[in-house]
C-alpha atoms as a PDB file:
ATOM      1  CA  MET A   1      31.181  59.819  42.861  1.00  0.00           C
ATOM      2  CA  THR A   2      32.121  63.477  42.428  1.00  0.00           C
ATOM      3  CA  VAL A   3      31.983  64.790  46.023  1.00  0.00           C
ATOM      4  CA  ALA A   4      32.291  62.889  49.285  1.00  0.00           C
ATOM      5  CA  ILE A   5      30.780  65.018  52.054  1.00  0.00           C
ATOM      6  CA  LEU A   6      32.507  64.279  55.369  1.00  0.00           C
ATOM      7  CA  MET A   7      30.315  65.098  58.384  1.00  0.00           C
ATOM      8  CA  GLY A   8      31.408  64.684  61.987  1.00  0.00           C
ATOM      9  CA  THR A   9      28.582  64.518  64.524  1.00  0.00           C
ATOM     10  CA  MET A  10      28.190  64.505  68.287  1.00  0.00           C
ATOM     11  CA  ASN A  11      24.797  65.196  69.904  1.00  0.00           C
ATOM     12  CA  GLY A  12      23.689  67.349  66.989  1.00  0.00           C
ATOM     13  CA  ALA A  13      19.972  66.575  66.966  1.00  0.00           C
ATOM     14  CA  ALA A  14      18.967  70.196  67.646  1.00  0.00           C
ATOM     15  CA  TYR A  15      20.208  71.513  64.300  1.00  0.00           C
ATOM     16  CA  ILE A  16      21.233  68.638  62.058  1.00  0.00           C
ATOM     17  CA  ARG A  17      17.941  68.330  60.184  1.00  0.00           C
ATOM     18  CA  GLU A  18      18.335  71.800  58.698  1.00  0.00           C
ATOM     19  CA  GLN A  19      21.922  71.063  57.701  1.00  0.00           C
ATOM     20  CA  LEU A  20      20.927  67.801  56.027  1.00  0.00           C
ATOM     21  CA  GLU A  21      18.148  69.579  54.153  1.00  0.00           C
ATOM     22  CA  SER A  22      20.678  72.093  52.838  1.00  0.00           C
ATOM     23  CA  VAL A  23      22.888  69.238  51.651  1.00  0.00           C
ATOM     24  CA  ALA A  24      19.918  67.652  49.872  1.00  0.00           C
ATOM     25  CA  GLY A  25      19.160  71.033  48.286  1.00  0.00           C
ATOM     26  CA  GLN A  26      22.549  71.437  46.604  1.00  0.00           C
ATOM     27  CA  THR A  27      22.466  72.342  42.918  1.00  0.00           C
ATOM     28  CA  GLU A  28      25.369  69.874  42.543  1.00  0.00           C
ATOM     29  CA  ARG A  29      23.617  66.525  42.848  1.00  0.00           C
ATOM     30  CA  ASP A  30      26.530  64.121  42.452  1.00  0.00           C
ATOM     31  CA  TRP A  31      27.522  63.660  46.076  1.00  0.00           C
ATOM     32  CA  SER A  32      27.721  61.007  48.764  1.00  0.00           C
ATOM     33  CA  LEU A  33      27.539  61.605  52.516  1.00  0.00           C
ATOM     34  CA  TYR A  34      29.713  59.947  55.149  1.00  0.00           C
ATOM     35  CA  VAL A  35      28.736  60.601  58.759  1.00  0.00           C
ATOM     36  CA  SER A  36      31.102  59.725  61.607  1.00  0.00           C
ATOM     37  CA  ASP A  37      29.165  59.883  64.866  1.00  0.00           C
ATOM     38  CA  ASP A  38      31.436  60.282  67.872  1.00  0.00           C
ATOM     39  CA  GLY A  39      29.115  58.770  70.470  1.00  0.00           C
ATOM     40  CA  SER A  40      25.897  60.785  70.360  1.00  0.00           C
ATOM     41  CA  SER A  41      23.424  60.115  73.173  1.00  0.00           C
ATOM     42  CA  ASP A  42      20.578  62.001  71.469  1.00  0.00           C
ATOM     43  CA  ALA A  43      18.678  61.299  68.227  1.00  0.00           C
ATOM     44  CA  THR A  44      21.469  62.363  65.864  1.00  0.00           C
ATOM     45  CA  ARG A  45      22.069  58.940  64.328  1.00  0.00           C
ATOM     46  CA  GLN A  46      18.366  58.247  63.904  1.00  0.00           C
ATOM     47  CA  ILE A  47      17.859  61.566  62.121  1.00  0.00           C
ATOM     48  CA  VAL A  48      20.710  60.807  59.725  1.00  0.00           C
ATOM     49  CA  GLU A  49      19.413  57.285  59.100  1.00  0.00           C
ATOM     50  CA  ARG A  50      15.956  58.637  58.219  1.00  0.00           C
ATOM     51  CA  PHE A  51      17.617  61.147  55.899  1.00  0.00           C
ATOM     52  CA  ALA A  52      19.497  58.305  54.195  1.00  0.00           C
ATOM     53  CA  GLU A  53      16.193  56.590  53.412  1.00  0.00           C
ATOM     54  CA  ALA A  54      14.732  59.782  51.919  1.00  0.00           C
ATOM     55  CA  VAL A  55      17.465  60.764  49.414  1.00  0.00           C
ATOM     56  CA  PRO A  56      18.731  58.945  46.311  1.00  0.00           C
ATOM     57  CA  GLN A  57      22.384  59.649  47.130  1.00  0.00           C
ATOM     58  CA  PHE A  58      24.563  57.220  49.069  1.00  0.00           C
ATOM     59  CA  VAL A  59      24.711  57.885  52.831  1.00  0.00           C
ATOM     60  CA  ASN A  60      26.977  56.002  55.229  1.00  0.00           C
ATOM     61  CA  VAL A  61      26.825  56.294  59.032  1.00  0.00           C
ATOM     62  CA  ARG A  62      29.673  54.949  61.160  1.00  0.00           C
ATOM     63  CA  MET A  63      31.072  55.081  64.671  1.00  0.00           C
ATOM     64  CA  GLY A  64      33.674  57.775  65.276  1.00  0.00           C
ATOM     65  CA  PRO A  65      37.037  57.218  66.988  1.00  0.00           C
ATOM     66  CA  ARG A  66      35.953  59.122  70.137  1.00  0.00           C
ATOM     67  CA  ARG A  67      39.218  61.038  70.323  1.00  0.00           C
ATOM     68  CA  GLY A  68      37.783  64.514  69.774  1.00  0.00           C
ATOM     69  CA  PHE A  69      36.362  66.406  66.813  1.00  0.00           C
ATOM     70  CA  VAL A  70      39.699  66.818  64.986  1.00  0.00           C
ATOM     71  CA  GLU A  71      40.386  63.075  64.873  1.00  0.00           C
ATOM     72  CA  ASN A  72      36.765  62.432  63.964  1.00  0.00           C
ATOM     73  CA  PHE A  73      37.001  64.577  60.818  1.00  0.00           C
ATOM     74  CA  LEU A  74      40.545  63.540  59.910  1.00  0.00           C
ATOM     75  CA  GLY A  75      39.570  59.891  60.306  1.00  0.00           C
ATOM     76  CA  LEU A  76      36.980  60.371  57.564  1.00  0.00           C
ATOM     77  CA  ALA A  77      39.320  62.356  55.321  1.00  0.00           C
ATOM     78  CA  ARG A  78      42.105  59.766  55.610  1.00  0.00           C
ATOM     79  CA  ASP A  79      39.893  56.728  55.038  1.00  0.00           C
ATOM     80  CA  SER A  80      41.036  55.243  51.725  1.00  0.00           C
ATOM     81  CA  THR A  81      37.768  53.315  51.339  1.00  0.00           C
ATOM     82  CA  ILE A  82      36.001  56.640  50.736  1.00  0.00           C
ATOM     83  CA  GLU A  83      36.544  57.319  47.054  1.00  0.00           C
ATOM     84  CA  ALA A  84      35.620  60.547  45.268  1.00  0.00           C
ATOM     85  CA  ASP A  85      37.008  63.232  42.996  1.00  0.00           C
ATOM     86  CA  PHE A  86      36.518  65.910  45.659  1.00  0.00           C
ATOM     87  CA  PHE A  87      35.873  66.051  49.403  1.00  0.00           C
ATOM     88  CA  ALA A  88      33.977  68.511  51.608  1.00  0.00           C
ATOM     89  CA  PHE A  89      34.065  68.855  55.379  1.00  0.00           C
ATOM     90  CA  CYS A  90      30.604  69.406  56.848  1.00  0.00           C
ATOM     91  CA  ASP A  91      29.572  70.465  60.357  1.00  0.00           C
ATOM     92  CA  GLN A  92      26.322  69.254  61.891  1.00  0.00           C
ATOM     93  CA  ASP A  93      24.789  72.608  62.768  1.00  0.00           C
ATOM     94  CA  ASP A  94      25.340  74.937  59.795  1.00  0.00           C
ATOM     95  CA  VAL A  95      23.252  75.630  56.693  1.00  0.00           C
ATOM     96  CA  TRP A  96      24.863  75.398  53.272  1.00  0.00           C
ATOM     97  CA  HIS A  97      24.008  77.837  50.507  1.00  0.00           C
ATOM     98  CA  ALA A  98      22.444  75.892  47.646  1.00  0.00           C
ATOM     99  CA  ASP A  99      25.369  76.641  45.329  1.00  0.00           C
ATOM    100  CA  LYS A 100      28.133  75.874  47.835  1.00  0.00           C
ATOM    101  CA  LEU A 101      29.384  72.736  46.137  1.00  0.00           C
ATOM    102  CA  SER A 102      28.911  73.960  42.578  1.00  0.00           C
ATOM    103  CA  ARG A 103      30.873  77.162  43.264  1.00  0.00           C
ATOM    104  CA  ALA A 104      33.703  75.219  44.868  1.00  0.00           C
ATOM    105  CA  LEU A 105      33.840  72.660  42.050  1.00  0.00           C
ATOM    106  CA  THR A 106      33.913  75.358  39.383  1.00  0.00           C
ATOM    107  CA  TRP A 107      37.206  76.604  40.833  1.00  0.00           C
ATOM    108  CA  LEU A 108      38.632  73.189  41.762  1.00  0.00           C
ATOM    109  CA  ARG A 109      38.101  71.833  38.248  1.00  0.00           C
ATOM    110  CA  SER A 110      40.255  74.660  36.905  1.00  0.00           C
ATOM    111  CA  ILE A 111      43.252  73.290  38.846  1.00  0.00           C
ATOM    112  CA  PRO A 112      45.264  70.335  37.456  1.00  0.00           C
ATOM    113  CA  GLU A 113      44.426  67.127  39.346  1.00  0.00           C
ATOM    114  CA  SER A 114      48.053  66.638  40.381  1.00  0.00           C
ATOM    115  CA  ILE A 115      48.157  69.937  42.315  1.00  0.00           C
ATOM    116  CA  PRO A 116      46.718  69.914  45.862  1.00  0.00           C
ATOM    117  CA  ALA A 117      43.870  72.421  45.908  1.00  0.00           C
ATOM    118  CA  VAL A 118      41.550  73.703  48.630  1.00  0.00           C
ATOM    119  CA  TYR A 119      38.513  75.977  48.296  1.00  0.00           C
ATOM    120  CA  LEU A 120      37.392  77.882  51.391  1.00  0.00           C
ATOM    121  CA  SER A 121      35.191  80.880  51.994  1.00  0.00           C
ATOM    122  CA  ARG A 122      33.929  83.611  54.214  1.00  0.00           C
ATOM    123  CA  THR A 123      30.838  82.717  56.254  1.00  0.00           C
ATOM    124  CA  GLU A 124      27.457  84.240  56.961  1.00  0.00           C
ATOM    125  CA  LEU A 125      26.892  84.160  60.726  1.00  0.00           C
ATOM    126  CA  ILE A 126      23.532  83.187  62.213  1.00  0.00           C
ATOM    127  CA  GLY A 127      22.227  82.722  65.732  1.00  0.00           C
ATOM    128  CA  PRO A 128      20.711  79.570  67.266  1.00  0.00           C
ATOM    129  CA  GLY A 129      17.357  80.262  65.620  1.00  0.00           C
ATOM    130  CA  GLY A 130      18.812  81.281  62.281  1.00  0.00           C
ATOM    131  CA  GLU A 131      18.750  85.022  62.938  1.00  0.00           C
ATOM    132  CA  PRO A 132      21.347  86.988  60.920  1.00  0.00           C
ATOM    133  CA  MET A 133      24.459  88.083  62.845  1.00  0.00           C
ATOM    134  CA  GLY A 134      26.560  89.583  60.069  1.00  0.00           C
ATOM    135  CA  GLN A 135      29.520  87.965  58.344  1.00  0.00           C
ATOM    136  CA  SER A 136      32.895  86.627  59.365  1.00  0.00           C
ATOM    137  CA  THR A 137      35.991  88.794  58.962  1.00  0.00           C
ATOM    138  CA  LEU A 138      36.872  89.476  55.333  1.00  0.00           C
ATOM    139  CA  PHE A 139      40.514  88.557  54.789  1.00  0.00           C
ATOM    140  CA  ARG A 140      42.212  90.584  52.058  1.00  0.00           C
ATOM    141  CA  ARG A 141      45.755  89.219  51.940  1.00  0.00           C
ATOM    142  CA  GLN A 142      46.430  86.238  49.694  1.00  0.00           C
ATOM    143  CA  PRO A 143      46.466  82.762  51.227  1.00  0.00           C
ATOM    144  CA  GLY A 144      49.938  81.244  51.384  1.00  0.00           C
ATOM    145  CA  PHE A 145      52.397  79.264  53.449  1.00  0.00           C
ATOM    146  CA  GLY A 146      53.667  82.389  55.209  1.00  0.00           C
ATOM    147  CA  ASN A 147      50.140  82.946  56.469  1.00  0.00           C
ATOM    148  CA  ALA A 148      49.361  79.281  57.158  1.00  0.00           C
ATOM    149  CA  LEU A 149      52.375  78.978  59.479  1.00  0.00           C
ATOM    150  CA  VAL A 150      50.752  81.378  61.935  1.00  0.00           C
ATOM    151  CA  GLN A 151      47.035  81.449  61.117  1.00  0.00           C
ATOM    152  CA  SER A 152      44.132  79.386  59.831  1.00  0.00           C
ATOM    153  CA  ILE A 153      41.890  81.617  57.732  1.00  0.00           C
ATOM    154  CA  GLY A 154      39.124  79.302  56.597  1.00  0.00           C
ATOM    155  CA  GLY A 155      36.771  77.197  58.636  1.00  0.00           C
ATOM    156  CA  ALA A 156      36.725  73.518  57.751  1.00  0.00           C
ATOM    157  CA  ASN A 157      32.956  73.843  57.382  1.00  0.00           C
ATOM    158  CA  THR A 158      33.608  75.825  54.176  1.00  0.00           C
ATOM    159  CA  MET A 159      36.401  73.631  52.775  1.00  0.00           C
ATOM    160  CA  VAL A 160      36.159  71.568  49.603  1.00  0.00           C
ATOM    161  CA  PHE A 161      39.352  69.921  48.326  1.00  0.00           C
ATOM    162  CA  ASN A 162      40.680  67.577  45.672  1.00  0.00           C
ATOM    163  CA  ARG A 163      42.288  64.142  45.887  1.00  0.00           C
ATOM    164  CA  ALA A 164      45.825  65.528  45.771  1.00  0.00           C
ATOM    165  CA  ALA A 165      45.092  67.619  48.876  1.00  0.00           C
ATOM    166  CA  ARG A 166      43.418  64.646  50.542  1.00  0.00           C
ATOM    167  CA  SER A 167      46.581  62.584  49.991  1.00  0.00           C
ATOM    168  CA  LEU A 168      48.535  65.062  52.138  1.00  0.00           C
ATOM    169  CA  LEU A 169      46.205  64.304  55.039  1.00  0.00           C
ATOM    170  CA  GLN A 170      46.752  60.597  54.462  1.00  0.00           C
ATOM    171  CA  VAL A 171      50.560  60.713  54.416  1.00  0.00           C
ATOM    172  CA  THR A 172      50.542  62.601  57.728  1.00  0.00           C
ATOM    173  CA  ALA A 173      48.319  60.053  59.470  1.00  0.00           C
ATOM    174  CA  GLY A 174      49.519  59.433  63.007  1.00  0.00           C
ATOM    175  CA  ARG A 175      50.666  63.032  63.487  1.00  0.00           C
ATOM    176  CA  SER A 176      48.652  65.373  65.686  1.00  0.00           C
ATOM    177  CA  ALA A 177      46.900  68.460  64.334  1.00  0.00           C
ATOM    178  CA  VAL A 178      45.601  71.567  66.070  1.00  0.00           C
ATOM    179  CA  SER A 179      42.490  71.485  63.891  1.00  0.00           C
ATOM    180  CA  HIS A 180      41.542  69.769  60.656  1.00  0.00           C
ATOM    181  CA  ASP A 181      41.104  73.074  58.796  1.00  0.00           C
ATOM    182  CA  TRP A 182      44.478  74.507  59.834  1.00  0.00           C
ATOM    183  CA  CYS A 183      46.068  71.141  59.082  1.00  0.00           C
ATOM    184  CA  LEU A 184      44.761  71.120  55.502  1.00  0.00           C
ATOM    185  CA  TYR A 185      45.595  74.793  54.845  1.00  0.00           C
ATOM    186  CA  LEU A 186      49.118  74.322  56.198  1.00  0.00           C
ATOM    187  CA  LEU A 187      49.886  71.123  54.289  1.00  0.00           C
ATOM    188  CA  CYS A 188      48.471  72.350  50.993  1.00  0.00           C
ATOM    189  CA  THR A 189      50.378  75.637  50.993  1.00  0.00           C
ATOM    190  CA  ALA A 190      53.583  73.963  52.238  1.00  0.00           C
ATOM    191  CA  VAL A 191      53.880  71.927  49.045  1.00  0.00           C
ATOM    192  CA  GLY A 192      52.964  74.850  46.783  1.00  0.00           C
ATOM    193  CA  GLY A 193      49.342  73.829  46.314  1.00  0.00           C
ATOM    194  CA  ALA A 194      46.481  76.113  45.336  1.00  0.00           C
ATOM    195  CA  VAL A 195      44.169  77.736  47.895  1.00  0.00           C
ATOM    196  CA  TYR A 196      41.235  79.961  46.954  1.00  0.00           C
ATOM    197  CA  TYR A 197      39.574  82.139  49.579  1.00  0.00           C
ATOM    198  CA  ASP A 198      36.090  83.061  48.349  1.00  0.00           C
ATOM    199  CA  PRO A 199      35.057  86.466  49.757  1.00  0.00           C
ATOM    200  CA  ASP A 200      31.386  85.562  49.250  1.00  0.00           C
ATOM    201  CA  PRO A 201      29.969  83.338  52.011  1.00  0.00           C
ATOM    202  CA  SER A 202      29.080  79.783  51.031  1.00  0.00           C
ATOM    203  CA  ILE A 203      27.410  78.743  54.293  1.00  0.00           C
ATOM    204  CA  LYS A 204      25.414  80.026  57.221  1.00  0.00           C
ATOM    205  CA  TYR A 205      27.653  79.385  60.231  1.00  0.00           C
ATOM    206  CA  ARG A 206      25.495  78.895  63.313  1.00  0.00           C
ATOM    207  CA  GLN A 207      26.732  80.463  66.553  1.00  0.00           C
ATOM    208  CA  HIS A 208      25.409  78.835  69.718  1.00  0.00           C
ATOM    209  CA  GLY A 209      26.457  77.761  73.182  1.00  0.00           C
ATOM    210  CA  ASN A 210      27.715  74.345  72.105  1.00  0.00           C
ATOM    211  CA  ASN A 211      30.055  75.533  69.347  1.00  0.00           C
ATOM    212  CA  ILE A 212      33.459  73.856  69.598  1.00  0.00           C
ATOM    213  CA  MET A 213      34.922  76.509  67.326  1.00  0.00           C
ATOM    214  CA  GLY A 214      33.052  79.794  67.012  1.00  0.00           C
ATOM    215  CA  SER A 215      33.555  82.891  64.921  1.00  0.00           C
ATOM    216  CA  ASN A 216      36.875  84.723  65.426  1.00  0.00           C
ATOM    217  CA  ARG A 217      35.183  88.087  64.919  1.00  0.00           C
ATOM    218  CA  GLY A 218      34.958  90.815  67.536  1.00  0.00           C
ATOM    219  CA  LEU A 219      36.744  92.247  70.564  1.00  0.00           C
ATOM    220  CA  LEU A 220      35.996  89.331  72.880  1.00  0.00           C
ATOM    221  CA  SER A 221      37.540  86.936  70.396  1.00  0.00           C
ATOM    222  CA  SER A 222      40.639  89.144  70.147  1.00  0.00           C
ATOM    223  CA  LEU A 223      40.964  89.278  73.930  1.00  0.00           C
ATOM    224  CA  ARG A 224      40.611  85.503  74.108  1.00  0.00           C
ATOM    225  CA  ARG A 225      43.445  85.081  71.610  1.00  0.00           C
ATOM    226  CA  ILE A 226      45.651  87.476  73.636  1.00  0.00           C
ATOM    227  CA  LYS A 227      44.988  85.421  76.764  1.00  0.00           C
ATOM    228  CA  MET A 228      45.889  82.230  74.908  1.00  0.00           C
ATOM    229  CA  LEU A 229      49.086  83.887  73.692  1.00  0.00           C
ATOM    230  CA  GLY A 230      50.190  84.702  77.232  1.00  0.00           C
ATOM    231  CA  ALA A 231      49.395  81.159  78.349  1.00  0.00           C
ATOM    232  CA  GLY A 232      51.683  79.706  75.690  1.00  0.00           C
ATOM    233  CA  THR A 233      48.849  78.107  73.690  1.00  0.00           C
ATOM    234  CA  PHE A 234      50.045  79.624  70.406  1.00  0.00           C
ATOM    235  CA  SER A 235      53.551  78.329  71.027  1.00  0.00           C
ATOM    236  CA  ARG A 236      52.225  74.802  71.646  1.00  0.00           C
ATOM    237  CA  TRP A 237      50.175  74.998  68.440  1.00  0.00           C
ATOM    238  CA  ASN A 238      53.267  76.024  66.481  1.00  0.00           C
ATOM    239  CA  GLU A 239      55.131  73.028  67.836  1.00  0.00           C
ATOM    240  CA  ILE A 240      52.312  70.691  66.781  1.00  0.00           C
ATOM    241  CA  ASN A 241      52.355  72.251  63.304  1.00  0.00           C
ATOM    242  CA  ARG A 242      56.148  71.884  63.058  1.00  0.00           C
ATOM    243  CA  HIS A 243      55.856  68.161  63.787  1.00  0.00           C
ATOM    244  CA  LEU A 244      53.019  67.854  61.267  1.00  0.00           C
ATOM    245  CA  LEU A 245      55.126  69.464  58.535  1.00  0.00           C
ATOM    246  CA  ALA A 246      57.971  67.056  59.219  1.00  0.00           C
ATOM    247  CA  GLY A 247      55.767  64.389  57.650  1.00  0.00           C
ATOM    248  CA  ILE A 248      55.848  66.095  54.237  1.00  0.00           C
ATOM    249  CA  GLU A 249      59.178  67.950  54.384  1.00  0.00           C
ATOM    250  CA  GLU A 250      60.494  66.192  51.279  1.00  0.00           C
ATOM    251  CA  GLN A 251      57.462  67.432  49.303  1.00  0.00           C
ATOM    252  CA  MET A 252      57.806  71.046  50.420  1.00  0.00           C
ATOM    253  CA  SER A 253      59.188  73.610  47.996  1.00  0.00           C
ATOM    254  CA  SER A 254      62.692  74.936  48.706  1.00  0.00           C
ATOM    255  CA  PRO A 255      61.465  78.474  49.530  1.00  0.00           C
ATOM    256  CA  ASN A 256      58.938  77.074  51.986  1.00  0.00           C
ATOM    257  CA  ARG A 257      61.526  74.840  53.670  1.00  0.00           C
ATOM    258  CA  GLU A 258      63.725  77.917  54.058  1.00  0.00           C
ATOM    259  CA  MET A 259      60.816  79.925  55.488  1.00  0.00           C
ATOM    260  CA  LEU A 260      60.099  77.152  57.978  1.00  0.00           C
ATOM    261  CA  ARG A 261      63.774  77.053  58.983  1.00  0.00           C
ATOM    262  CA  LYS A 262      63.830  80.806  59.619  1.00  0.00           C
ATOM    263  CA  PHE A 263      60.559  80.676  61.531  1.00  0.00           C
ATOM    264  CA  THR A 264      61.959  77.870  63.678  1.00  0.00           C
ATOM    265  CA  GLU A 265      65.014  80.029  64.434  1.00  0.00           C
ATOM    266  CA  ALA A 266      62.751  82.919  65.421  1.00  0.00           C
ATOM    267  CA  ARG A 267      60.820  80.604  67.740  1.00  0.00           C
ATOM    268  CA  SER A 268      64.004  79.364  69.393  1.00  0.00           C
ATOM    269  CA  SER A 269      65.201  82.929  70.099  1.00  0.00           C
ATOM    270  CA  ARG A 270      64.008  85.464  72.642  1.00  0.00           C
ATOM    271  CA  GLY A 271      63.287  89.183  72.819  1.00  0.00           C
ATOM    272  CA  VAL A 272      64.523  91.537  70.124  1.00  0.00           C
ATOM    273  CA  VAL A 273      66.518  88.786  68.384  1.00  0.00           C
ATOM    274  CA  SER A 274      63.353  86.721  68.006  1.00  0.00           C
ATOM    275  CA  LEU A 275      61.449  89.744  66.677  1.00  0.00           C
ATOM    276  CA  LEU A 276      64.147  90.544  64.112  1.00  0.00           C
ATOM    277  CA  ARG A 277      64.230  86.943  62.909  1.00  0.00           C
ATOM    278  CA  LEU A 278      60.431  86.871  62.737  1.00  0.00           C
ATOM    279  CA  ASN A 279      60.426  89.939  60.494  1.00  0.00           C
ATOM    280  CA  GLN A 280      62.941  88.274  58.171  1.00  0.00           C
ATOM    281  CA  CYS A 281      61.140  84.960  57.654  1.00  0.00           C
ATOM    282  CA  GLY A 282      58.083  86.218  55.755  1.00  0.00           C
ATOM    283  CA  VAL A 283      55.217  84.996  57.936  1.00  0.00           C
ATOM    284  CA  TYR A 284      52.096  87.136  58.297  1.00  0.00           C
ATOM    285  CA  ARG A 285      48.634  87.212  59.761  1.00  0.00           C
ATOM    286  CA  GLN A 286      45.713  88.793  57.948  1.00  0.00           C
ATOM    287  CA  THR A 287      45.207  91.857  60.178  1.00  0.00           C
ATOM    288  CA  ALA A 288      47.389  94.531  61.745  1.00  0.00           C
ATOM    289  CA  LEU A 289      46.242  93.459  65.218  1.00  0.00           C
ATOM    290  CA  GLY A 290      47.150  89.870  64.419  1.00  0.00           C
ATOM    291  CA  ASN A 291      50.637  90.872  63.288  1.00  0.00           C
ATOM    292  CA  LEU A 292      51.054  92.937  66.454  1.00  0.00           C
ATOM    293  CA  GLY A 293      50.191  89.814  68.433  1.00  0.00           C
ATOM    294  CA  LEU A 294      52.902  87.932  66.535  1.00  0.00           C
ATOM    295  CA  ALA A 295      55.458  90.580  67.439  1.00  0.00           C
ATOM    296  CA  VAL A 296      54.468  90.489  71.096  1.00  0.00           C
ATOM    297  CA  SER A 297      54.667  86.683  71.157  1.00  0.00           C
ATOM    298  CA  ALA A 298      58.218  86.890  69.806  1.00  0.00           C
ATOM    299  CA  LEU A 299      59.263  89.454  72.415  1.00  0.00           C
ATOM    300  CA  ILE A 300      57.910  87.466  75.351  1.00  0.00           C
ATOM    301  CA  GLY A 301      59.198  84.110  74.102  1.00  0.00           C
ATOM    302  CA  LYS A 302      55.799  82.610  73.325  1.00  0.00           C
ATOM    303  CA  LEU A 303      56.138  82.264  69.546  1.00  0.00           C
END
């Protein structure tokens, strides 16, 4: 099977039909769908089961681990019984563009199978009823390990990846992750893999009151990130990522191991010394405001 679509669900009955219809409407027809339901109390499972009866593709529904959305998705991605050439994370409440998979596969097939590769994209934002709300922030700097150390730029709901990238998730099983998208971006770039950020949206990303992860666009989102910075959340995330990378350190390129070492030194310092070391290690966020936040976190000892 060419693409294994990995969908995590939890009380998604309100929107999941439209998402499933968009999966069925893909121009790339060679896919299978694996749904890990994390304990829904609504009609989510029944809707998926009816969908399975209506499409010719293979659909599997299973019980999730009930340890949160990150473990639900990573559990699917790490399951060696799910075999495919490529894998795609899928949220329960979005709407995929009809050419989402075909666009991703066109790029992924240009990368040698032995090289971990991840496709991700910008998103088209919609409201609860499907009303247009603009697009997510357009990132202009190239993806890379220096960026992945301090920022996740692509939502997992846009990610399609190859078997070599999937193997990185498998070898780090048992290690915590901040999120499944940041985890994959970080691991892939750490070992010198290929990451393509598509500036054209591949999905409609629904914004509603029950979003676990919403759009990072706008002033309120920026203020929320500043508050998290002061609370030490960013520092805790960096520590989780450091432990995650320890699981693949032998596979990392020498320049990336050196960058990680310098970033670790910056994190262990304080004030101006931390800021100077941060500037020397080569990490970067995608916006000027984001890089200012990095500098402030170094100065106040929250890196």
